[in-house]
Protein backbone atom coordinates (compact mmCIF):
# COMPACT_ATOMS: atom_id res chain seq x y z
CA MET A 1 -23.22 -21.77 -40.37
CA LYS A 2 -26.87 -21.26 -39.34
CA GLU A 3 -27.59 -24.98 -39.12
CA LEU A 4 -25.82 -27.93 -37.58
CA PRO A 5 -27.12 -31.06 -39.34
CA LEU A 6 -27.51 -34.27 -37.38
CA SER A 7 -26.11 -36.07 -40.44
CA LEU A 8 -22.73 -34.70 -39.33
CA PHE A 9 -22.77 -37.21 -36.48
CA SER A 10 -22.14 -40.08 -38.86
CA LYS A 11 -19.01 -38.28 -40.11
CA LEU A 12 -17.35 -37.93 -36.71
CA SER A 13 -14.63 -40.48 -37.27
CA ASN A 14 -10.92 -40.09 -37.78
CA GLU A 15 -11.41 -40.58 -41.53
CA PHE A 16 -13.78 -37.63 -42.05
CA HIS A 17 -11.24 -35.69 -44.17
CA LYS A 18 -11.54 -38.37 -46.89
CA ASP A 19 -15.34 -38.03 -47.11
CA ALA A 20 -16.25 -36.07 -50.24
CA SER A 21 -19.84 -35.59 -49.04
CA ILE A 22 -18.73 -33.15 -46.30
CA ASP A 23 -18.36 -29.54 -47.43
CA ASP A 24 -15.37 -27.44 -46.42
CA GLU A 25 -17.23 -25.50 -43.72
CA LYS A 26 -18.24 -28.66 -41.88
CA LYS A 27 -14.77 -30.18 -42.31
CA LYS A 28 -13.34 -27.05 -40.73
CA LEU A 29 -15.71 -27.43 -37.76
CA ILE A 30 -14.85 -31.12 -37.28
CA SER A 31 -11.12 -30.35 -37.59
CA SER A 32 -11.40 -27.60 -34.99
CA ILE A 33 -12.80 -29.89 -32.30
CA GLY A 34 -9.73 -32.06 -32.59
CA LEU A 35 -7.80 -29.03 -31.39
CA LEU A 36 -10.05 -28.52 -28.36
CA THR A 37 -8.24 -29.61 -25.24
CA ASP A 38 -10.00 -32.31 -23.26
CA GLU A 39 -9.12 -30.78 -19.89
CA LYS A 40 -10.84 -32.57 -17.04
CA PRO A 41 -13.77 -30.79 -15.40
CA THR A 42 -12.96 -29.08 -12.10
CA GLU A 43 -15.25 -28.24 -9.19
CA LEU A 44 -15.32 -24.51 -8.42
CA LEU A 45 -17.61 -24.87 -5.40
CA HIS A 46 -20.62 -26.81 -4.11
CA TYR A 47 -23.82 -25.84 -2.36
CA THR A 48 -26.93 -27.12 -0.63
CA ARG A 49 -30.42 -25.99 -1.60
CA THR A 50 -32.89 -26.32 1.26
CA LEU A 51 -36.55 -27.21 0.87
CA ALA A 52 -37.35 -23.51 1.43
CA GLY A 53 -35.10 -22.58 -1.52
CA GLU A 54 -32.18 -21.17 0.50
CA ILE A 55 -28.81 -21.67 -1.19
CA LYS A 56 -25.94 -22.41 1.20
CA ILE A 57 -22.57 -22.16 -0.54
CA ASN A 58 -19.89 -24.73 0.37
CA ASP A 59 -22.39 -26.51 2.62
CA LYS A 60 -22.56 -30.34 2.49
CA GLN A 61 -25.83 -30.82 4.37
CA GLY A 62 -27.62 -31.72 1.16
CA LEU A 63 -25.04 -34.33 0.09
CA LYS A 64 -26.55 -37.77 0.62
CA SER A 65 -24.17 -40.57 1.53
CA LEU A 66 -24.38 -43.89 -0.28
CA ASN A 67 -25.00 -46.48 2.42
CA ILE A 68 -24.50 -49.64 0.38
CA SER A 69 -21.28 -51.20 -0.88
CA ILE A 70 -20.70 -50.88 -4.60
CA GLY A 71 -18.50 -53.83 -5.49
CA LYS A 72 -17.28 -53.64 -9.07
CA GLY A 73 -19.47 -55.32 -11.67
CA ARG A 74 -21.63 -57.30 -9.25
CA LYS A 75 -24.66 -56.97 -7.05
CA SER A 76 -24.16 -55.17 -3.77
CA LYS A 77 -23.49 -57.56 -0.90
CA SER A 78 -23.81 -55.30 2.13
CA ILE A 79 -26.30 -56.05 4.90
CA LYS A 80 -28.14 -52.85 4.02
CA SER A 81 -28.64 -53.81 0.38
CA GLU A 82 -29.82 -57.31 1.27
CA ARG A 83 -32.39 -55.77 3.58
CA ILE A 84 -33.83 -53.42 0.94
CA ILE A 85 -34.05 -55.93 -1.93
CA GLY A 86 -37.75 -56.56 -2.49
CA SER A 87 -38.73 -53.07 -1.25
CA ASP A 88 -41.85 -51.50 -2.73
CA LEU A 89 -40.70 -48.53 -4.86
CA THR A 90 -44.22 -47.08 -4.85
CA ALA A 91 -44.50 -46.80 -1.05
CA GLY A 92 -45.41 -43.21 -0.20
CA TYR A 93 -46.42 -42.37 -3.77
CA GLU A 94 -49.77 -40.92 -2.67
CA SER A 95 -47.96 -37.89 -1.19
CA PHE A 96 -45.66 -37.37 -4.20
CA LYS A 97 -45.71 -33.86 -5.68
CA LYS A 98 -44.16 -33.61 -9.11
CA ALA A 99 -41.75 -30.70 -9.63
CA SER A 100 -42.82 -28.06 -12.14
CA ALA A 101 -40.72 -27.06 -15.15
CA ARG A 102 -40.04 -23.73 -13.46
CA GLU A 103 -38.50 -25.57 -10.49
CA ILE A 104 -36.55 -28.02 -12.62
CA TYR A 105 -34.96 -25.40 -14.88
CA GLN A 106 -34.50 -22.57 -12.36
CA LEU A 107 -31.21 -20.70 -12.65
CA ASP A 108 -31.07 -18.96 -9.26
CA GLY A 109 -28.55 -21.48 -7.90
CA LEU A 110 -26.34 -20.92 -10.95
CA PHE A 111 -26.31 -17.13 -10.61
CA THR A 112 -25.91 -17.24 -6.82
CA SER A 113 -22.92 -19.58 -7.04
CA LEU A 114 -21.34 -17.52 -9.84
CA LYS A 115 -21.61 -14.39 -7.69
CA TYR A 116 -20.01 -16.16 -4.73
CA TYR A 117 -17.25 -17.57 -6.93
CA LEU A 118 -16.37 -14.13 -8.32
CA GLU A 119 -16.58 -12.37 -4.95
CA ASN A 120 -14.31 -14.86 -3.20
CA ALA A 121 -11.76 -15.57 -5.92
CA GLU A 122 -8.13 -14.92 -5.04
CA ASP A 123 -7.51 -13.59 -8.54
CA LYS A 124 -10.73 -11.78 -9.43
CA LYS A 125 -9.53 -10.73 -12.88
CA THR A 126 -8.67 -14.30 -13.90
CA SER A 127 -11.96 -15.59 -12.49
CA LEU A 128 -13.94 -12.92 -14.34
CA ASP A 129 -12.10 -13.79 -17.56
CA ARG A 130 -13.07 -17.44 -17.05
CA ILE A 131 -16.76 -16.58 -16.70
CA GLN A 132 -16.70 -14.05 -19.55
CA SER A 133 -15.43 -16.65 -22.01
CA SER A 134 -17.85 -19.38 -20.95
CA ILE A 135 -21.05 -21.08 -21.90
CA VAL A 136 -22.92 -20.86 -18.59
CA SER A 137 -25.79 -23.28 -18.01
CA LEU A 138 -27.22 -26.27 -16.16
CA ARG A 139 -25.80 -29.72 -16.77
CA ARG A 140 -29.23 -30.96 -17.83
CA ASN A 141 -29.19 -28.46 -20.74
CA LEU A 142 -25.71 -29.47 -21.88
CA LEU A 143 -26.71 -33.13 -21.55
CA MET A 144 -29.68 -32.56 -23.88
CA LEU A 145 -27.31 -31.23 -26.54
CA MET A 146 -24.93 -34.13 -26.07
CA LEU A 147 -27.70 -36.73 -26.38
CA ILE A 148 -29.47 -35.39 -29.48
CA PRO A 149 -28.16 -38.26 -31.66
CA LEU A 150 -29.53 -40.76 -29.12
CA ASN A 151 -32.85 -38.91 -28.70
CA HIS A 152 -33.13 -37.77 -32.31
CA TRP A 153 -36.96 -37.97 -32.35
CA ARG A 154 -37.39 -35.32 -29.61
CA GLU A 155 -37.74 -31.58 -30.13
CA TYR A 156 -35.48 -29.17 -28.22
CA ARG A 157 -35.54 -25.37 -27.90
CA PHE A 158 -33.04 -23.18 -26.08
CA ASN A 159 -32.72 -19.47 -25.36
CA VAL A 160 -29.17 -18.14 -25.72
CA ILE A 161 -28.08 -14.79 -24.26
CA TYR A 162 -24.75 -13.18 -25.10
CA TRP A 163 -23.92 -10.62 -22.40
CA LYS A 164 -20.57 -9.27 -21.19
CA GLY A 165 -18.81 -12.05 -23.08
CA ILE A 166 -20.91 -14.70 -21.30
CA ILE A 167 -23.05 -17.14 -23.29
CA ILE A 168 -26.02 -18.11 -21.11
CA LEU A 169 -27.76 -21.26 -22.39
CA ASP A 170 -31.25 -21.74 -20.96
CA TYR A 171 -33.78 -24.40 -21.92
CA ASP A 172 -36.95 -22.82 -23.32
CA TRP A 173 -39.13 -24.70 -20.85
CA GLU A 174 -41.98 -22.18 -21.13
CA TYR A 175 -42.47 -23.18 -24.78
CA PHE A 176 -42.92 -26.81 -23.83
CA GLU A 177 -44.86 -26.33 -20.60
CA ASP A 178 -48.22 -25.80 -22.35
CA ASP A 179 -47.52 -28.71 -24.70
CA ILE A 180 -46.73 -30.96 -21.74
CA THR A 181 -49.93 -29.95 -19.96
CA ILE A 182 -52.00 -30.60 -23.08
CA GLY A 183 -50.17 -33.86 -23.76
CA LEU A 184 -50.76 -35.16 -20.24
CA SER A 185 -54.43 -34.23 -20.40
CA ASN A 186 -54.72 -36.29 -23.58
CA LEU A 187 -53.13 -39.32 -21.94
CA GLY A 188 -55.33 -41.81 -20.18
CA LEU A 189 -55.21 -41.77 -16.38
CA SER A 190 -53.34 -45.06 -16.24
CA ARG A 191 -50.59 -43.78 -18.56
CA ARG A 192 -50.22 -40.54 -16.59
CA ASN A 193 -49.95 -42.51 -13.37
CA ASN A 194 -47.37 -44.84 -14.92
CA THR A 195 -45.20 -41.89 -16.01
CA ASP A 196 -45.36 -40.39 -12.52
CA LEU A 197 -44.69 -43.78 -10.90
CA LEU A 198 -41.54 -44.25 -12.96
CA GLN A 199 -40.26 -40.90 -11.73
CA TYR A 200 -41.27 -41.56 -8.14
CA SER A 201 -39.64 -45.00 -8.12
CA GLY A 202 -36.32 -43.27 -8.86
CA PHE A 203 -36.76 -40.93 -5.89
CA LYS A 204 -37.76 -43.86 -3.68
CA PHE A 205 -34.70 -45.87 -4.72
CA GLU A 206 -32.46 -42.90 -3.91
CA ASN A 207 -34.11 -42.59 -0.52
CA LEU A 208 -33.60 -46.30 0.22
CA ILE A 209 -29.87 -46.46 -0.47
CA THR A 210 -28.72 -43.09 0.87
CA SER A 211 -28.58 -41.37 4.21
CA ALA A 212 -28.53 -37.68 5.15
CA PRO A 213 -29.46 -35.53 8.17
CA ASP A 214 -32.29 -33.99 6.13
CA LYS A 215 -33.21 -35.66 2.84
CA SER A 216 -35.43 -32.74 1.81
CA ASN A 217 -32.24 -30.78 0.99
CA ASP A 218 -30.54 -31.08 -2.41
CA PHE A 219 -26.85 -30.90 -3.25
CA TYR A 220 -25.21 -29.25 -6.28
CA THR A 221 -21.76 -28.73 -7.69
CA LEU A 222 -20.50 -25.81 -9.82
CA VAL A 223 -18.20 -27.23 -12.47
CA SER A 224 -15.89 -25.70 -15.07
CA GLN A 225 -14.28 -27.27 -18.09
CA ASN A 226 -11.78 -25.33 -20.18
CA TYR A 227 -11.32 -25.57 -23.94
CA ASP A 228 -8.98 -23.58 -26.20
CA ASN A 229 -11.07 -20.45 -26.78
CA PHE A 230 -14.08 -20.95 -24.50
CA ASN A 231 -15.11 -22.68 -21.29
CA THR A 232 -18.21 -24.28 -19.87
CA VAL A 233 -19.40 -23.41 -16.36
CA PHE A 234 -22.49 -25.21 -15.11
CA THR A 235 -24.29 -26.48 -12.05
CA ALA A 236 -25.18 -30.15 -11.63
CA GLU A 237 -27.40 -31.81 -9.05
CA VAL A 238 -25.64 -34.65 -7.25
CA ASP A 239 -27.59 -37.78 -6.27
CA ALA A 240 -25.11 -39.07 -3.68
CA GLY A 241 -21.50 -39.22 -2.65
CA ILE A 242 -19.24 -41.98 -1.44
CA ASP A 243 -18.46 -41.49 2.27
CA ASN A 244 -19.97 -37.99 2.20
CA VAL A 245 -16.93 -36.59 0.34
CA ALA A 246 -17.51 -33.47 -1.76
CA SER A 247 -15.39 -34.12 -4.86
CA LEU A 248 -16.24 -34.93 -8.46
CA SER A 249 -14.65 -38.38 -8.34
CA SER A 250 -16.84 -39.43 -5.40
CA TYR A 251 -20.19 -38.31 -6.82
CA VAL A 252 -22.54 -41.13 -7.84
CA GLU A 253 -25.46 -41.13 -10.30
CA LEU A 254 -28.46 -43.21 -9.19
CA LYS A 255 -30.91 -44.65 -11.71
CA THR A 256 -33.72 -47.20 -11.85
CA HIS A 257 -34.62 -49.51 -14.70
CA SER A 258 -36.90 -52.43 -15.41
CA GLN A 259 -35.37 -55.81 -14.66
CA PHE A 260 -33.75 -57.43 -17.70
CA LYS A 261 -33.54 -61.18 -18.23
CA SER A 262 -30.08 -61.72 -19.67
CA GLN A 263 -28.78 -59.73 -22.64
CA ILE A 264 -28.71 -55.93 -22.53
CA ASP A 265 -31.61 -54.59 -24.61
CA PHE A 266 -32.04 -51.27 -26.40
CA LYS A 267 -33.70 -49.51 -23.46
CA LEU A 268 -31.03 -50.49 -20.96
CA ALA A 269 -28.27 -49.65 -23.45
CA SER A 270 -29.86 -46.21 -23.92
CA LYS A 271 -30.09 -45.72 -20.13
CA LEU A 272 -26.43 -46.68 -19.74
CA MET A 273 -25.40 -44.37 -22.59
CA SER A 274 -27.24 -41.35 -21.19
CA SER A 275 -25.92 -42.13 -17.68
CA TRP A 276 -22.36 -42.33 -19.03
CA CYS A 277 -22.75 -38.90 -20.68
CA GLN A 278 -24.29 -37.38 -17.56
CA THR A 279 -21.42 -38.70 -15.45
CA LYS A 280 -18.77 -37.77 -18.03
CA LEU A 281 -19.72 -34.09 -17.84
CA VAL A 282 -18.63 -33.94 -14.19
CA ASP A 283 -15.87 -36.54 -14.45
CA GLY A 284 -17.75 -38.93 -12.18
CA LYS A 285 -16.77 -42.58 -11.86
CA HIS A 286 -19.86 -44.53 -10.77
CA VAL A 287 -23.45 -45.17 -11.83
CA VAL A 288 -25.68 -47.29 -9.57
CA ILE A 289 -28.83 -48.80 -11.06
CA GLY A 290 -31.68 -50.30 -9.09
CA PHE A 291 -33.60 -52.83 -11.16
CA ARG A 292 -37.34 -53.09 -10.53
CA SER A 293 -39.99 -55.70 -11.27
CA LYS A 294 -43.18 -55.03 -13.22
CA GLY A 295 -44.84 -54.49 -9.86
CA TYR A 296 -42.26 -51.84 -8.90
CA ASN A 297 -40.38 -53.94 -6.36
CA LEU A 298 -36.60 -53.57 -6.12
CA THR A 299 -35.09 -56.80 -7.46
CA SER A 300 -31.35 -56.06 -7.59
CA ILE A 301 -28.75 -53.30 -7.44
CA LYS A 302 -25.70 -52.99 -9.62
CA MET A 303 -22.82 -50.54 -9.82
CA TYR A 304 -21.24 -49.66 -13.16
CA GLN A 305 -17.95 -47.85 -13.53
CA THR A 306 -17.87 -45.40 -16.43
CA ASN A 307 -15.17 -47.29 -18.31
CA GLU A 308 -17.18 -50.49 -17.85
CA ILE A 309 -20.22 -48.81 -19.42
CA ALA A 310 -18.21 -47.75 -22.46
CA ASN A 311 -16.94 -51.31 -22.92
CA LEU A 312 -20.45 -52.79 -22.55
CA LEU A 313 -21.85 -50.42 -25.14
CA ASN A 314 -19.13 -51.41 -27.59
CA LEU A 315 -20.43 -54.98 -27.26
CA HIS A 316 -24.09 -53.85 -27.56
CA PRO A 317 -23.91 -50.91 -29.99
CA LEU A 318 -26.78 -48.51 -30.58
CA LYS A 319 -27.51 -47.26 -34.07
CA LEU A 320 -29.31 -44.38 -35.73
CA PRO A 321 -31.89 -45.26 -38.42
CA ASP A 322 -29.22 -44.40 -41.01
CA TYR A 323 -27.14 -47.23 -39.49
CA SER A 324 -24.63 -44.86 -37.87
CA THR A 325 -23.23 -46.43 -34.73
CA ILE A 326 -23.61 -44.35 -31.57
CA THR A 327 -20.57 -44.60 -29.33
CA CYS A 328 -19.48 -42.72 -26.22
CA LYS A 329 -16.52 -41.28 -28.10
CA LYS A 330 -18.69 -40.01 -30.98
CA LEU A 331 -21.18 -38.41 -28.58
CA VAL A 332 -18.32 -36.49 -26.95
CA ARG A 333 -17.17 -35.33 -30.39
CA TRP A 334 -20.75 -34.32 -31.27
CA TYR A 335 -20.96 -32.40 -27.99
CA LYS A 336 -17.75 -30.52 -28.77
CA CYS A 337 -18.99 -29.78 -32.29
CA THR A 338 -22.24 -28.40 -30.90
CA LEU A 339 -20.51 -26.21 -28.31
CA LYS A 340 -18.06 -24.86 -30.90
CA TRP A 341 -20.93 -24.19 -33.33
CA ILE A 342 -22.85 -22.28 -30.65
CA VAL A 343 -19.82 -20.20 -29.63
CA ASP A 344 -18.90 -19.35 -33.22
CA SER A 345 -22.52 -18.56 -34.17
CA VAL A 346 -23.03 -16.27 -31.17
CA ARG A 347 -19.74 -14.42 -31.58
CA ASN A 348 -20.25 -13.95 -35.32
CA GLU A 349 -23.70 -12.43 -34.79
CA SER A 350 -22.84 -10.24 -31.79
CA ASP A 351 -21.46 -6.72 -31.72
CA ASP A 352 -20.86 -4.05 -29.09
CA ASN A 353 -24.52 -3.95 -28.03
CA ASP A 354 -25.29 -4.47 -24.35
CA TYR A 355 -26.58 -7.96 -25.08
CA ARG A 356 -27.98 -10.14 -27.86
CA VAL A 357 -30.56 -12.91 -27.61
CA PHE A 358 -30.82 -15.95 -29.89
CA LYS A 359 -32.76 -19.18 -30.09
CA ILE A 360 -31.51 -22.66 -30.91
CA HIS A 361 -34.06 -25.17 -32.15
CA TYR A 362 -33.65 -28.86 -32.87
CA SER A 363 -36.53 -29.95 -35.08
CA PRO A 364 -36.75 -33.71 -35.65
CA LYS A 365 -37.73 -34.91 -39.11
CA SER A 366 -39.03 -38.26 -40.25
CA SER A 367 -35.43 -39.16 -41.09
CA PRO A 368 -32.57 -38.13 -38.79
CA VAL A 369 -30.52 -37.38 -41.90
CA ASN A 370 -32.75 -34.36 -42.50
CA SER A 371 -32.83 -33.14 -38.88
CA CYS A 372 -30.69 -30.27 -37.66
CA LEU A 373 -30.04 -27.66 -35.00
CA SER A 374 -30.87 -24.16 -36.24
CA PHE A 375 -29.64 -20.80 -34.94
CA GLU A 376 -31.93 -17.75 -35.01
CA THR A 377 -31.55 -14.10 -33.97
CA ILE A 378 -34.44 -12.71 -31.90
CA ASP A 379 -35.98 -9.25 -32.31
CA ASP A 380 -35.16 -6.63 -29.65
CA THR A 381 -38.57 -6.62 -27.93
CA THR A 382 -38.74 -10.39 -27.49
CA GLY A 383 -35.05 -10.48 -26.66
CA ASN A 384 -35.48 -7.88 -23.93
CA ASP A 385 -38.25 -9.93 -22.32
CA ILE A 386 -36.16 -13.12 -22.42
CA PHE A 387 -33.12 -11.31 -21.02
CA ASN A 388 -34.97 -9.91 -18.01
CA GLN A 389 -36.92 -13.11 -17.36
CA THR A 390 -33.73 -15.19 -17.43
CA ILE A 391 -31.20 -13.03 -15.58
CA PRO A 392 -32.38 -11.70 -12.19
CA GLN A 393 -32.05 -7.97 -11.66
CA TRP A 394 -29.72 -8.41 -8.69
CA PHE A 395 -27.25 -10.37 -10.83
CA GLN A 396 -27.45 -7.80 -13.64
CA GLU A 397 -26.58 -5.04 -11.15
CA TYR A 398 -23.82 -7.10 -9.58
CA MET A 399 -22.13 -7.86 -12.91
CA ASN A 400 -22.51 -4.27 -14.14
CA ASP A 401 -20.62 -3.15 -11.04
CA PHE A 402 -18.14 -6.04 -10.79
CA ALA A 403 -17.06 -5.84 -14.43
CA GLU A 404 -16.28 -2.11 -14.22
CA PRO A 405 -12.53 -1.37 -14.68
CA GLY A 406 -10.76 -1.26 -11.36
CA ASN A 407 -13.36 -3.35 -9.51
CA CYS A 408 -11.65 -6.68 -10.01
């Protein structure tokens, strides 16, 4: 199946087998995801990335501690939170340097942590088998796939490399980098500043409610989730932890949002939905949102538990233009469908060659019903360039040696 239509999302209910509009191939795909185990994600290791780019495996220096209380379903009441309410979330903005796409989507931490994981595994053969049957990526890439029904008007492109049984999923950020530059140049100065301010206010909020010996360091986790005939292994940046504990259940997502008056509106519901998905991928339990005024002052802080978010969204449902309701459960099923489609497509198109390179493209149409993810094989010359630009030479050499019979 070369295409995965977005229209399939509306069919992801328990009654899909009665729907005559779904062909047998798509019914088979939907049926297969019901067989995929929903094993909880597990942390394989964690690491700190320093400002200089050094990656320190199993180092917690970059893990920021949440220094406010997060009482369930209510505003924080700690002395610290009372002191920061009213803070200016633009303070220090003049020295803000926006990260480039190359920095945001870099894979060096992923490959470094994979190498460490394989080198230090007690059972190297089992660990290699886990990696060689996995989709390997960044959480932000997997999250994009999961949220396509919610963000159906956006275009997405991914490079996919099949090598030594590993499926490496990398966002094609180079394709969009020129478009982003052109798009920003076409925006008025005030709109560009507003976009940057929104991003900076999130960093400022994180800085206000966390503590760390050196806040210029960043903290990541390497996570694995097992399914029946494939796994996912990915890195995820962690905003903060409760009591400086390095475990998935203690990691907290921090967000900012404009202050709402009373009822949850579409924008806040969308923010909660995407936050739930982001947290779900690493089996996290908490999302903390700082609400800001129009003048970018912090007005309140609220903690949401993941099960609370799911319940709230059931009361304030989001819908696609075709009137399909978007729920947390259906997004998880869509995510599984997408992963299974990618795995099957890659394996069906691959042979005994050293590697194969593909592209996945989501092209939005005027109606979501006509939108789809498409799968394309890349010619050898282009594929060779993508392979070598994506996978560092040192990791290629390491895997070529490690995967040799008798070496693990």
